[in-house]
C-alpha cells in the first residue's frame, strides 16, 4: 500500500497515512485516461450551432421565372442551396455532444488519475482543513505552508463553504467535494490536496 505523509494545514508532518492500493496504487492506464478526458470535454461543448435550411430562409416562395422558354436553367426558388443567400444543405443543428463511457471504464480512469498523482509525488493529504471564516488571505497562507505554488485541486469530504469561498479568488485553485472528483480536474492541476476524510470517502466509493 502506498504511504504518504499526513500534514496539518500549517504544513507540519503529523504522521503517515496508508492509501488503498486498489485506488491510489494501480498502474495508470493512459488510454482509459485519454478516453475519459475526451468524454468530459465533449460534455462541456455547448452544441448551440445552427444554420438555416432552405425551408427556414426568408423569401423564395415564388418561382423566379417560368419553367420553359427563357433559355435559362430551370429554378424553383431563389433560396435553393445553389443560390447566394440560399439555405444550407446538411448544416449544423443544435445537439448535445455528451456521451458516457461504461461505469467500469470511468472508475478505472479516476483510479488511474489518482494513482498518477501518487507516482508523481503530487498528492498532499491533510489531517483536516478548517477555516473560521471565508478569507482568501488565510487560504493563501495555508497553500504557502504546503509549498503549493502552481495549480491545485483541493478535495474536501463534504461541502465546506469557508474553504470554497476562500479559494475562489486564487488563480489556479479549485475546490471540489469527494463525490465530485473527476479525471479532468485531477489531471489539470499540478497538486492534489485531499483531507484525510476525503481520502476515506473516495476509497469507500472506489475500492
N, C-alpha and C. Protein backbone atom coordinates (compact mmCIF):
# COMPACT_ATOMS: atom_id res chain seq x y z
N UNK A 1 0.84 -1.20 0.00
CA UNK A 1 0.00 0.00 0.00
C UNK A 1 0.88 1.25 0.00
N UNK A 2 0.56 2.22 -0.87
CA UNK A 2 1.36 3.45 -0.87
C UNK A 2 1.14 4.25 0.42
N UNK A 3 2.24 4.80 0.93
CA UNK A 3 2.16 5.63 2.13
C UNK A 3 2.58 7.05 1.78
N UNK A 4 1.84 8.02 2.29
CA UNK A 4 2.21 9.42 2.11
C UNK A 4 2.16 10.12 3.46
N UNK A 5 2.88 11.23 3.54
CA UNK A 5 2.92 11.99 4.80
C UNK A 5 1.57 12.61 5.08
N UNK A 6 1.20 12.62 6.35
CA UNK A 6 -0.03 13.28 6.79
C UNK A 6 0.37 14.61 7.41
N UNK A 7 -0.14 15.70 6.84
CA UNK A 7 0.24 17.05 7.29
C UNK A 7 -0.94 17.74 7.95
N UNK A 8 -0.61 18.72 8.81
CA UNK A 8 -1.67 19.62 9.27
C UNK A 8 -1.71 20.80 8.32
N UNK A 9 -2.64 21.73 8.50
CA UNK A 9 -2.80 22.77 7.49
C UNK A 9 -1.73 23.86 7.54
N UNK A 10 -0.81 23.75 8.50
CA UNK A 10 0.34 24.67 8.51
C UNK A 10 1.52 24.06 7.74
N UNK A 11 1.37 22.78 7.34
CA UNK A 11 2.42 22.12 6.58
C UNK A 11 3.33 21.23 7.40
N UNK A 12 3.05 21.11 8.71
CA UNK A 12 3.88 20.27 9.58
C UNK A 12 3.46 18.80 9.46
N UNK A 13 4.46 17.93 9.52
CA UNK A 13 4.22 16.49 9.42
C UNK A 13 3.68 15.96 10.74
N UNK A 14 2.53 15.29 10.69
CA UNK A 14 1.94 14.75 11.92
C UNK A 14 1.82 13.22 11.87
N UNK A 15 2.40 12.61 10.85
CA UNK A 15 2.35 11.16 10.75
C UNK A 15 2.32 10.69 9.31
N UNK A 16 1.82 9.47 9.12
CA UNK A 16 1.72 8.87 7.79
C UNK A 16 0.32 8.31 7.60
N UNK A 17 -0.09 8.21 6.35
CA UNK A 17 -1.38 7.59 6.04
C UNK A 17 -1.18 6.57 4.93
N UNK A 18 -1.77 5.41 5.11
CA UNK A 18 -1.72 4.36 4.09
C UNK A 18 -2.90 4.53 3.14
N UNK A 19 -2.60 4.60 1.87
CA UNK A 19 -3.66 4.75 0.86
C UNK A 19 -4.04 3.39 0.31
N UNK A 20 -5.29 3.24 -0.03
CA UNK A 20 -5.78 1.97 -0.57
C UNK A 20 -5.09 1.65 -1.90
N UNK A 21 -4.50 0.46 -1.95
CA UNK A 21 -3.72 0.06 -3.13
C UNK A 21 -4.56 -0.02 -4.40
N UNK A 22 -5.84 -0.40 -4.25
CA UNK A 22 -6.69 -0.57 -5.44
C UNK A 22 -7.21 0.76 -5.98
N UNK A 23 -7.01 1.84 -5.22
CA UNK A 23 -7.48 3.17 -5.65
C UNK A 23 -6.30 4.08 -6.00
N UNK A 24 -5.28 4.09 -5.13
CA UNK A 24 -4.16 5.01 -5.30
C UNK A 24 -2.87 4.31 -5.74
N UNK A 25 -2.92 2.99 -5.91
CA UNK A 25 -1.67 2.28 -6.20
C UNK A 25 -1.68 1.43 -7.45
N UNK A 26 -2.57 1.73 -8.39
CA UNK A 26 -2.61 0.93 -9.62
C UNK A 26 -1.69 1.54 -10.69
N UNK A 27 -1.41 0.75 -11.70
CA UNK A 27 -0.65 1.26 -12.85
C UNK A 27 -1.59 2.09 -13.71
N UNK A 28 -1.33 3.40 -13.87
CA UNK A 28 -2.25 4.25 -14.64
C UNK A 28 -2.43 3.76 -16.07
N UNK A 29 -3.67 3.66 -16.50
CA UNK A 29 -3.99 3.24 -17.86
C UNK A 29 -4.15 4.50 -18.72
N UNK A 30 -3.14 4.78 -19.53
CA UNK A 30 -3.11 6.03 -20.29
C UNK A 30 -4.25 6.12 -21.30
N UNK A 31 -4.58 4.99 -21.92
CA UNK A 31 -5.64 5.02 -22.94
C UNK A 31 -7.00 5.33 -22.31
N UNK A 32 -7.25 4.74 -21.14
CA UNK A 32 -8.51 4.99 -20.44
C UNK A 32 -8.58 6.45 -19.98
N UNK A 33 -7.45 6.99 -19.53
CA UNK A 33 -7.40 8.41 -19.13
C UNK A 33 -7.73 9.30 -20.32
N UNK A 34 -7.16 8.96 -21.47
CA UNK A 34 -7.43 9.73 -22.69
C UNK A 34 -8.92 9.71 -23.02
N UNK A 35 -9.52 8.51 -22.98
CA UNK A 35 -10.95 8.37 -23.29
C UNK A 35 -11.82 9.17 -22.33
N UNK A 36 -11.44 9.15 -21.04
CA UNK A 36 -12.23 9.86 -20.02
C UNK A 36 -12.15 11.37 -20.21
N UNK A 37 -10.97 11.87 -20.57
CA UNK A 37 -10.80 13.31 -20.79
C UNK A 37 -11.61 13.75 -22.01
N UNK A 38 -11.56 12.97 -23.09
CA UNK A 38 -12.33 13.29 -24.29
C UNK A 38 -13.82 13.30 -23.98
N UNK A 39 -14.28 12.33 -23.17
CA UNK A 39 -15.70 12.27 -22.80
C UNK A 39 -16.11 13.52 -22.02
N UNK A 40 -15.28 13.91 -21.04
CA UNK A 40 -15.62 15.08 -20.23
C UNK A 40 -15.62 16.36 -21.05
N UNK A 41 -14.62 16.49 -21.91
CA UNK A 41 -14.54 17.70 -22.73
C UNK A 41 -15.70 17.76 -23.74
N UNK A 42 -16.13 16.61 -24.22
CA UNK A 42 -17.26 16.57 -25.15
C UNK A 42 -18.53 17.07 -24.46
N UNK A 43 -18.71 16.67 -23.19
CA UNK A 43 -19.93 17.07 -22.48
C UNK A 43 -19.92 18.55 -22.11
N UNK A 44 -18.74 19.19 -22.18
CA UNK A 44 -18.64 20.63 -21.90
C UNK A 44 -19.00 21.48 -23.11
N UNK A 45 -19.08 20.87 -24.29
CA UNK A 45 -19.38 21.63 -25.51
C UNK A 45 -20.83 22.13 -25.48
N UNK A 46 -21.03 23.35 -25.94
CA UNK A 46 -22.36 23.94 -25.91
C UNK A 46 -23.31 23.30 -26.92
N UNK A 47 -22.80 23.06 -28.11
CA UNK A 47 -23.63 22.44 -29.14
C UNK A 47 -24.78 23.32 -29.61
N UNK A 48 -24.60 24.64 -29.54
CA UNK A 48 -25.70 25.56 -29.92
C UNK A 48 -25.57 26.06 -31.35
N UNK A 49 -24.71 25.43 -32.15
CA UNK A 49 -24.52 25.86 -33.54
C UNK A 49 -25.80 25.63 -34.35
N UNK A 50 -26.07 26.53 -35.27
CA UNK A 50 -27.31 26.44 -36.06
C UNK A 50 -27.18 27.26 -37.32
N UNK A 51 -27.57 26.69 -38.46
CA UNK A 51 -27.71 27.45 -39.71
C UNK A 51 -29.10 27.16 -40.28
N UNK A 52 -29.55 28.00 -41.20
CA UNK A 52 -30.89 27.84 -41.76
C UNK A 52 -30.88 27.00 -43.03
N UNK A 53 -31.81 26.08 -43.09
CA UNK A 53 -32.02 25.29 -44.30
C UNK A 53 -32.93 26.05 -45.26
N UNK A 54 -33.22 25.48 -46.42
CA UNK A 54 -34.00 26.20 -47.43
C UNK A 54 -35.43 26.47 -46.97
N UNK A 55 -35.95 25.66 -46.06
CA UNK A 55 -37.32 25.89 -45.58
C UNK A 55 -37.38 26.99 -44.53
N UNK A 56 -36.21 27.38 -43.99
CA UNK A 56 -36.17 28.38 -42.91
C UNK A 56 -35.73 29.76 -43.39
N UNK A 57 -35.06 29.83 -44.54
CA UNK A 57 -34.58 31.13 -45.04
C UNK A 57 -35.77 31.96 -45.53
N UNK A 58 -35.73 33.26 -45.23
CA UNK A 58 -36.84 34.14 -45.63
C UNK A 58 -36.89 34.28 -47.15
N UNK A 59 -38.09 34.32 -47.70
CA UNK A 59 -38.28 34.54 -49.13
C UNK A 59 -38.19 33.26 -49.93
N UNK A 60 -38.25 33.42 -51.24
CA UNK A 60 -38.08 32.28 -52.14
C UNK A 60 -39.31 31.44 -52.37
N UNK A 61 -40.47 31.95 -52.03
CA UNK A 61 -41.69 31.16 -52.21
C UNK A 61 -42.18 31.15 -53.65
N UNK A 62 -41.79 32.16 -54.41
CA UNK A 62 -42.26 32.28 -55.79
C UNK A 62 -41.21 31.71 -56.74
N UNK A 63 -41.66 31.05 -57.78
CA UNK A 63 -40.74 30.55 -58.81
C UNK A 63 -40.15 31.77 -59.52
N UNK A 64 -38.80 31.88 -59.62
CA UNK A 64 -38.20 33.12 -60.15
C UNK A 64 -38.53 33.40 -61.63
N UNK A 65 -38.66 32.40 -62.44
CA UNK A 65 -39.10 32.57 -63.83
C UNK A 65 -39.77 31.29 -64.29
N UNK A 66 -40.47 31.38 -65.41
CA UNK A 66 -41.24 30.22 -65.85
C UNK A 66 -40.32 29.05 -66.19
N UNK A 67 -40.91 27.88 -66.21
CA UNK A 67 -40.13 26.65 -66.37
C UNK A 67 -39.43 26.59 -67.73
N UNK A 68 -40.15 26.96 -68.80
CA UNK A 68 -39.59 26.78 -70.14
C UNK A 68 -39.64 28.09 -70.94
N UNK A 69 -38.79 28.15 -71.94
CA UNK A 69 -38.90 29.24 -72.88
C UNK A 69 -37.97 30.42 -72.65
N UNK A 70 -37.23 30.44 -71.53
CA UNK A 70 -36.35 31.60 -71.28
C UNK A 70 -34.92 31.33 -71.72
N UNK A 71 -34.58 30.07 -71.91
CA UNK A 71 -33.20 29.73 -72.25
C UNK A 71 -32.31 29.58 -71.02
N UNK A 72 -32.85 29.89 -69.87
CA UNK A 72 -32.07 29.78 -68.63
C UNK A 72 -32.35 28.44 -67.96
N UNK A 73 -31.46 28.07 -67.04
CA UNK A 73 -31.67 26.82 -66.30
C UNK A 73 -32.91 26.95 -65.44
N UNK A 74 -33.66 25.85 -65.34
CA UNK A 74 -34.90 25.89 -64.55
C UNK A 74 -34.58 26.09 -63.06
N UNK A 75 -35.38 26.92 -62.42
CA UNK A 75 -35.23 27.19 -60.99
C UNK A 75 -36.60 27.20 -60.34
N UNK A 76 -36.65 26.70 -59.10
CA UNK A 76 -37.93 26.68 -58.39
C UNK A 76 -38.00 27.71 -57.28
N UNK A 77 -36.82 28.16 -56.79
CA UNK A 77 -36.81 29.10 -55.67
C UNK A 77 -35.46 29.82 -55.64
N UNK A 78 -35.48 31.09 -55.25
CA UNK A 78 -34.21 31.81 -55.12
C UNK A 78 -33.52 31.48 -53.79
N UNK A 79 -34.12 30.59 -53.01
CA UNK A 79 -33.50 30.17 -51.74
C UNK A 79 -33.02 28.71 -51.80
N UNK A 80 -32.92 28.17 -53.02
CA UNK A 80 -32.32 26.85 -53.19
C UNK A 80 -30.84 26.92 -52.79
N UNK A 81 -30.24 25.81 -52.38
CA UNK A 81 -28.86 25.85 -51.87
C UNK A 81 -27.82 26.41 -52.83
N UNK A 82 -28.06 26.29 -54.15
CA UNK A 82 -27.05 26.78 -55.09
C UNK A 82 -27.08 28.30 -55.26
N UNK A 83 -28.09 28.95 -54.69
CA UNK A 83 -28.20 30.40 -54.81
C UNK A 83 -27.46 31.10 -53.67
N UNK A 84 -26.94 32.28 -54.00
CA UNK A 84 -26.38 33.13 -52.95
C UNK A 84 -27.52 33.52 -52.00
N UNK A 85 -27.32 33.32 -50.70
CA UNK A 85 -28.38 33.61 -49.74
C UNK A 85 -29.36 32.47 -49.59
N UNK A 86 -29.07 31.35 -50.26
CA UNK A 86 -29.97 30.20 -50.16
C UNK A 86 -29.74 29.40 -48.89
N UNK A 87 -30.58 28.40 -48.67
CA UNK A 87 -30.45 27.56 -47.48
C UNK A 87 -29.22 26.66 -47.54
N UNK A 88 -28.72 26.26 -46.38
CA UNK A 88 -27.55 25.38 -46.30
C UNK A 88 -28.00 23.92 -46.27
N UNK A 89 -27.30 23.09 -47.04
CA UNK A 89 -27.62 21.66 -47.07
C UNK A 89 -26.86 20.94 -45.96
N UNK A 90 -27.57 20.16 -45.16
CA UNK A 90 -26.97 19.35 -44.09
C UNK A 90 -26.09 20.18 -43.15
N UNK A 91 -26.53 21.40 -42.86
CA UNK A 91 -25.76 22.25 -41.95
C UNK A 91 -25.92 21.82 -40.51
N UNK A 92 -25.10 22.39 -39.61
CA UNK A 92 -25.18 22.01 -38.19
C UNK A 92 -26.48 22.45 -37.54
N UNK A 93 -27.00 21.63 -36.66
CA UNK A 93 -28.20 21.95 -35.88
C UNK A 93 -27.85 21.76 -34.41
N UNK A 94 -28.61 22.38 -33.50
CA UNK A 94 -28.30 22.22 -32.07
C UNK A 94 -28.32 20.75 -31.66
N UNK A 95 -27.30 20.35 -30.92
CA UNK A 95 -27.21 18.96 -30.48
C UNK A 95 -26.35 18.88 -29.22
N UNK A 96 -26.48 17.78 -28.51
CA UNK A 96 -25.64 17.52 -27.35
C UNK A 96 -24.51 16.59 -27.77
N UNK A 97 -23.30 16.93 -27.38
CA UNK A 97 -22.14 16.09 -27.69
C UNK A 97 -21.84 15.10 -26.57
N UNK A 98 -22.62 15.15 -25.49
CA UNK A 98 -22.35 14.32 -24.32
C UNK A 98 -22.57 12.84 -24.62
N UNK A 99 -21.71 12.03 -24.06
CA UNK A 99 -21.88 10.58 -24.10
C UNK A 99 -21.23 10.00 -22.85
N UNK A 100 -21.49 8.76 -22.56
CA UNK A 100 -20.95 8.15 -21.34
C UNK A 100 -20.14 6.90 -21.65
N UNK A 101 -18.99 6.81 -21.00
CA UNK A 101 -18.22 5.57 -21.06
C UNK A 101 -18.84 4.57 -20.08
N UNK A 102 -18.57 3.29 -20.25
CA UNK A 102 -19.08 2.31 -19.28
C UNK A 102 -18.59 2.62 -17.87
N UNK A 103 -19.38 2.26 -16.88
CA UNK A 103 -19.08 2.59 -15.48
C UNK A 103 -17.71 2.05 -15.05
N UNK A 104 -17.38 0.82 -15.47
CA UNK A 104 -16.09 0.22 -15.10
C UNK A 104 -14.93 1.04 -15.66
N UNK A 105 -15.10 1.53 -16.86
CA UNK A 105 -14.05 2.33 -17.50
C UNK A 105 -13.90 3.67 -16.78
N UNK A 106 -15.02 4.29 -16.41
CA UNK A 106 -14.97 5.57 -15.68
C UNK A 106 -14.27 5.41 -14.33
N UNK A 107 -14.57 4.30 -13.64
CA UNK A 107 -13.94 4.04 -12.34
C UNK A 107 -12.43 3.80 -12.50
N UNK A 108 -12.07 3.06 -13.54
CA UNK A 108 -10.65 2.80 -13.80
C UNK A 108 -9.92 4.11 -14.12
N UNK A 109 -10.60 5.00 -14.83
CA UNK A 109 -9.99 6.27 -15.22
C UNK A 109 -9.68 7.13 -13.99
N UNK A 110 -10.63 7.26 -13.07
CA UNK A 110 -10.39 8.10 -11.89
C UNK A 110 -9.33 7.47 -10.99
N UNK A 111 -9.32 6.13 -10.90
CA UNK A 111 -8.27 5.45 -10.13
C UNK A 111 -6.90 5.70 -10.76
N UNK A 112 -6.84 5.66 -12.09
CA UNK A 112 -5.58 5.90 -12.80
C UNK A 112 -5.10 7.32 -12.57
N UNK A 113 -6.03 8.28 -12.58
CA UNK A 113 -5.67 9.68 -12.36
C UNK A 113 -5.12 9.89 -10.95
N UNK A 114 -5.80 9.30 -9.95
CA UNK A 114 -5.35 9.44 -8.56
C UNK A 114 -4.00 8.75 -8.36
N UNK A 115 -3.83 7.57 -8.96
CA UNK A 115 -2.56 6.84 -8.82
C UNK A 115 -1.41 7.59 -9.47
N UNK A 116 -1.70 8.28 -10.58
CA UNK A 116 -0.64 9.04 -11.26
C UNK A 116 -0.12 10.18 -10.38
N UNK A 117 -1.01 10.75 -9.56
CA UNK A 117 -0.58 11.82 -8.64
C UNK A 117 0.32 11.26 -7.54
N UNK A 118 0.02 10.03 -7.08
CA UNK A 118 0.86 9.39 -6.06
C UNK A 118 2.23 9.08 -6.66
N UNK A 119 2.25 8.55 -7.88
CA UNK A 119 3.51 8.22 -8.56
C UNK A 119 4.36 9.47 -8.76
N UNK A 120 3.72 10.57 -9.12
CA UNK A 120 4.45 11.83 -9.37
C UNK A 120 4.76 12.60 -8.09
N UNK A 121 4.38 12.02 -6.94
CA UNK A 121 4.57 12.69 -5.65
C UNK A 121 3.89 14.06 -5.63
N UNK A 122 2.70 14.11 -6.22
CA UNK A 122 1.97 15.37 -6.34
C UNK A 122 0.69 15.37 -5.52
N UNK A 123 0.64 14.51 -4.50
CA UNK A 123 -0.55 14.45 -3.64
C UNK A 123 -0.17 14.89 -2.23
N UNK A 124 -1.03 15.69 -1.64
CA UNK A 124 -0.84 16.16 -0.26
C UNK A 124 -2.09 15.76 0.52
N UNK A 125 -1.89 15.06 1.64
CA UNK A 125 -3.03 14.66 2.48
C UNK A 125 -2.97 15.45 3.79
N UNK A 126 -4.06 16.15 4.07
CA UNK A 126 -4.15 16.97 5.29
C UNK A 126 -4.98 16.26 6.34
N UNK A 127 -4.57 16.42 7.59
CA UNK A 127 -5.34 15.86 8.70
C UNK A 127 -6.74 16.47 8.70
N UNK A 128 -6.80 17.77 8.45
CA UNK A 128 -8.08 18.48 8.36
C UNK A 128 -7.83 19.83 7.70
N UNK A 129 -8.87 20.41 7.16
CA UNK A 129 -8.77 21.75 6.57
C UNK A 129 -9.98 22.54 7.05
N UNK A 130 -9.73 23.42 8.01
CA UNK A 130 -10.83 24.19 8.61
C UNK A 130 -10.45 25.66 8.69
N UNK A 131 -11.32 26.50 8.18
CA UNK A 131 -11.13 27.95 8.26
C UNK A 131 -12.31 28.55 9.02
N UNK A 132 -12.01 29.50 9.89
CA UNK A 132 -13.07 30.10 10.72
C UNK A 132 -14.01 30.99 9.91
N UNK A 133 -13.48 31.58 8.85
CA UNK A 133 -14.28 32.50 8.03
C UNK A 133 -13.74 32.44 6.61
N UNK A 134 -14.56 32.85 5.63
CA UNK A 134 -14.06 32.87 4.24
C UNK A 134 -13.06 34.00 4.02
N UNK A 135 -11.78 33.69 4.14
CA UNK A 135 -10.71 34.67 3.98
C UNK A 135 -9.69 34.16 2.96
N UNK A 136 -9.55 34.88 1.86
CA UNK A 136 -8.59 34.49 0.83
C UNK A 136 -7.17 34.47 1.38
N UNK A 137 -6.87 35.43 2.27
CA UNK A 137 -5.53 35.54 2.85
C UNK A 137 -5.17 34.28 3.64
N UNK A 138 -6.15 33.77 4.39
CA UNK A 138 -5.92 32.55 5.18
C UNK A 138 -5.63 31.36 4.28
N UNK A 139 -6.40 31.22 3.21
CA UNK A 139 -6.19 30.11 2.28
C UNK A 139 -4.83 30.23 1.59
N UNK A 140 -4.45 31.45 1.25
CA UNK A 140 -3.14 31.67 0.62
C UNK A 140 -2.01 31.25 1.54
N UNK A 141 -2.15 31.55 2.84
CA UNK A 141 -1.10 31.17 3.80
C UNK A 141 -1.05 29.65 3.99
N UNK A 142 -2.22 28.99 3.93
CA UNK A 142 -2.26 27.53 4.01
C UNK A 142 -1.50 26.92 2.82
N UNK A 143 -1.78 27.42 1.61
CA UNK A 143 -1.12 26.91 0.41
C UNK A 143 0.38 27.18 0.45
N UNK A 144 0.74 28.35 0.99
CA UNK A 144 2.16 28.70 1.10
C UNK A 144 2.86 27.74 2.05
N UNK A 145 2.19 27.40 3.17
CA UNK A 145 2.75 26.46 4.14
C UNK A 145 2.92 25.06 3.56
N UNK A 146 2.08 24.73 2.58
CA UNK A 146 2.16 23.42 1.93
C UNK A 146 3.09 23.43 0.71
N UNK A 147 3.73 24.59 0.47
CA UNK A 147 4.64 24.77 -0.68
C UNK A 147 3.94 24.54 -2.01
N UNK A 148 2.69 24.99 -2.09
CA UNK A 148 1.92 24.88 -3.33
C UNK A 148 2.02 26.20 -4.08
N UNK A 149 2.67 26.16 -5.23
CA UNK A 149 2.89 27.38 -6.00
C UNK A 149 2.15 27.38 -7.33
N UNK A 150 1.71 26.20 -7.76
CA UNK A 150 1.04 26.12 -9.07
C UNK A 150 -0.43 25.75 -8.89
N UNK A 151 -1.04 25.25 -9.95
CA UNK A 151 -2.46 24.90 -9.90
C UNK A 151 -2.70 23.77 -8.90
N UNK A 152 -3.72 23.94 -8.08
CA UNK A 152 -4.00 22.94 -7.04
C UNK A 152 -5.49 22.61 -7.01
N UNK A 153 -5.78 21.32 -6.82
CA UNK A 153 -7.15 20.85 -6.64
C UNK A 153 -7.32 20.44 -5.19
N UNK A 154 -8.22 21.12 -4.49
CA UNK A 154 -8.48 20.81 -3.08
C UNK A 154 -9.75 19.96 -2.99
N UNK A 155 -9.63 18.81 -2.36
CA UNK A 155 -10.77 17.89 -2.23
C UNK A 155 -11.15 17.78 -0.76
N UNK A 156 -12.38 18.18 -0.44
CA UNK A 156 -12.89 18.08 0.92
C UNK A 156 -13.93 16.96 0.98
N UNK A 157 -14.16 16.44 2.19
CA UNK A 157 -15.12 15.33 2.33
C UNK A 157 -16.53 15.78 2.00
N UNK A 158 -16.92 16.93 2.53
CA UNK A 158 -18.25 17.48 2.30
C UNK A 158 -18.13 18.93 1.85
N UNK A 159 -19.25 19.54 1.54
CA UNK A 159 -19.24 20.93 1.10
C UNK A 159 -18.81 21.84 2.24
N UNK A 160 -17.65 22.47 2.08
CA UNK A 160 -17.11 23.38 3.09
C UNK A 160 -17.11 24.79 2.50
N UNK A 161 -18.11 25.56 2.88
CA UNK A 161 -18.31 26.87 2.26
C UNK A 161 -17.15 27.82 2.53
N UNK A 162 -16.60 27.79 3.74
CA UNK A 162 -15.48 28.68 4.06
C UNK A 162 -14.27 28.39 3.19
N UNK A 163 -13.98 27.11 2.98
CA UNK A 163 -12.85 26.73 2.13
C UNK A 163 -13.11 27.12 0.68
N UNK A 164 -14.32 26.84 0.19
CA UNK A 164 -14.66 27.14 -1.20
C UNK A 164 -14.59 28.64 -1.48
N UNK A 165 -15.15 29.46 -0.58
CA UNK A 165 -15.15 30.91 -0.78
C UNK A 165 -13.75 31.50 -0.62
N UNK A 166 -12.95 30.92 0.26
CA UNK A 166 -11.59 31.42 0.48
C UNK A 166 -10.69 31.16 -0.71
N UNK A 167 -10.98 30.09 -1.46
CA UNK A 167 -10.10 29.69 -2.56
C UNK A 167 -10.54 30.22 -3.92
N UNK A 168 -11.78 30.72 -4.02
CA UNK A 168 -12.30 31.02 -5.36
C UNK A 168 -11.62 32.20 -6.05
N UNK A 169 -10.97 33.07 -5.28
CA UNK A 169 -10.27 34.21 -5.89
C UNK A 169 -8.79 33.95 -6.11
N UNK A 170 -8.34 32.74 -5.80
CA UNK A 170 -6.93 32.40 -6.00
C UNK A 170 -6.79 31.72 -7.36
N UNK A 171 -6.04 32.31 -8.28
CA UNK A 171 -5.92 31.73 -9.63
C UNK A 171 -5.34 30.31 -9.58
N UNK A 172 -5.97 29.42 -10.33
CA UNK A 172 -5.46 28.06 -10.45
C UNK A 172 -5.86 27.11 -9.35
N UNK A 173 -6.64 27.60 -8.36
CA UNK A 173 -7.06 26.74 -7.24
C UNK A 173 -8.54 26.41 -7.39
N UNK A 174 -8.86 25.13 -7.34
CA UNK A 174 -10.24 24.65 -7.47
C UNK A 174 -10.58 23.80 -6.25
N UNK A 175 -11.79 23.96 -5.75
CA UNK A 175 -12.25 23.16 -4.60
C UNK A 175 -13.43 22.29 -5.04
N UNK A 176 -13.34 21.00 -4.76
CA UNK A 176 -14.44 20.07 -5.05
C UNK A 176 -14.65 19.17 -3.84
N UNK A 177 -15.83 18.56 -3.77
CA UNK A 177 -16.07 17.58 -2.71
C UNK A 177 -15.63 16.20 -3.20
N UNK A 178 -15.52 15.25 -2.26
CA UNK A 178 -15.02 13.91 -2.59
C UNK A 178 -15.87 13.23 -3.66
N UNK A 179 -17.19 13.47 -3.62
CA UNK A 179 -18.05 12.82 -4.62
C UNK A 179 -18.06 13.57 -5.95
N UNK A 180 -17.33 14.68 -6.03
CA UNK A 180 -17.25 15.44 -7.27
C UNK A 180 -15.90 15.35 -7.95
N UNK A 181 -15.03 14.48 -7.43
CA UNK A 181 -13.70 14.32 -8.02
C UNK A 181 -13.83 13.71 -9.41
N UNK A 182 -13.15 14.31 -10.38
CA UNK A 182 -13.23 13.80 -11.75
C UNK A 182 -11.85 13.82 -12.41
N UNK A 183 -11.72 13.06 -13.46
CA UNK A 183 -10.42 12.87 -14.13
C UNK A 183 -9.85 14.18 -14.65
N UNK A 184 -10.67 14.98 -15.31
CA UNK A 184 -10.19 16.22 -15.93
C UNK A 184 -9.61 17.17 -14.88
N UNK A 185 -10.30 17.33 -13.76
CA UNK A 185 -9.81 18.21 -12.70
C UNK A 185 -8.49 17.70 -12.10
N UNK A 186 -8.43 16.40 -11.85
CA UNK A 186 -7.22 15.83 -11.24
C UNK A 186 -6.01 16.03 -12.16
N UNK A 187 -6.19 15.77 -13.46
CA UNK A 187 -5.07 15.88 -14.40
C UNK A 187 -4.73 17.33 -14.74
N UNK A 188 -5.71 18.22 -14.62
CA UNK A 188 -5.49 19.63 -14.99
C UNK A 188 -4.75 20.42 -13.93
N UNK A 189 -4.62 19.86 -12.73
CA UNK A 189 -3.96 20.57 -11.63
C UNK A 189 -2.65 19.88 -11.28
N UNK A 190 -1.65 20.70 -10.93
CA UNK A 190 -0.33 20.14 -10.62
C UNK A 190 -0.33 19.41 -9.28
N UNK A 191 -1.06 19.95 -8.30
CA UNK A 191 -1.10 19.35 -6.97
C UNK A 191 -2.51 18.90 -6.62
N UNK A 192 -2.60 17.76 -5.96
CA UNK A 192 -3.88 17.25 -5.46
C UNK A 192 -3.82 17.30 -3.94
N UNK A 193 -4.64 18.15 -3.34
CA UNK A 193 -4.68 18.30 -1.88
C UNK A 193 -5.98 17.70 -1.37
N UNK A 194 -5.86 16.67 -0.54
CA UNK A 194 -7.05 15.99 -0.02
C UNK A 194 -7.02 15.96 1.50
N UNK A 195 -8.18 16.12 2.10
CA UNK A 195 -8.26 15.92 3.55
C UNK A 195 -8.32 14.41 3.81
N UNK A 196 -7.97 14.03 5.04
CA UNK A 196 -7.99 12.61 5.41
C UNK A 196 -9.40 12.03 5.23
N UNK A 197 -10.40 12.82 5.62
CA UNK A 197 -11.79 12.36 5.49
C UNK A 197 -12.18 12.19 4.02
N UNK A 198 -11.66 13.07 3.15
CA UNK A 198 -11.95 12.97 1.71
C UNK A 198 -11.33 11.71 1.12
N UNK A 199 -10.11 11.38 1.56
CA UNK A 199 -9.44 10.16 1.10
C UNK A 199 -10.28 8.94 1.47
N UNK A 200 -10.75 8.91 2.72
CA UNK A 200 -11.56 7.78 3.18
C UNK A 200 -12.86 7.66 2.39
N UNK A 201 -13.45 8.81 2.08
CA UNK A 201 -14.72 8.80 1.33
C UNK A 201 -14.51 8.30 -0.10
N UNK A 202 -13.42 8.74 -0.73
CA UNK A 202 -13.11 8.30 -2.09
C UNK A 202 -12.82 6.79 -2.11
N UNK A 203 -12.08 6.33 -1.11
CA UNK A 203 -11.76 4.90 -1.03
C UNK A 203 -13.01 4.05 -0.82
N UNK A 204 -13.95 4.54 -0.04
CA UNK A 204 -15.21 3.82 0.19
C UNK A 204 -15.96 3.59 -1.12
N UNK A 205 -15.93 4.61 -1.98
CA UNK A 205 -16.68 4.53 -3.24
C UNK A 205 -15.95 3.68 -4.28
N UNK A 206 -14.63 3.85 -4.38
CA UNK A 206 -13.87 3.24 -5.48
C UNK A 206 -13.21 1.91 -5.15
N UNK A 207 -12.97 1.63 -3.89
CA UNK A 207 -12.23 0.40 -3.52
C UNK A 207 -13.07 -0.85 -3.83
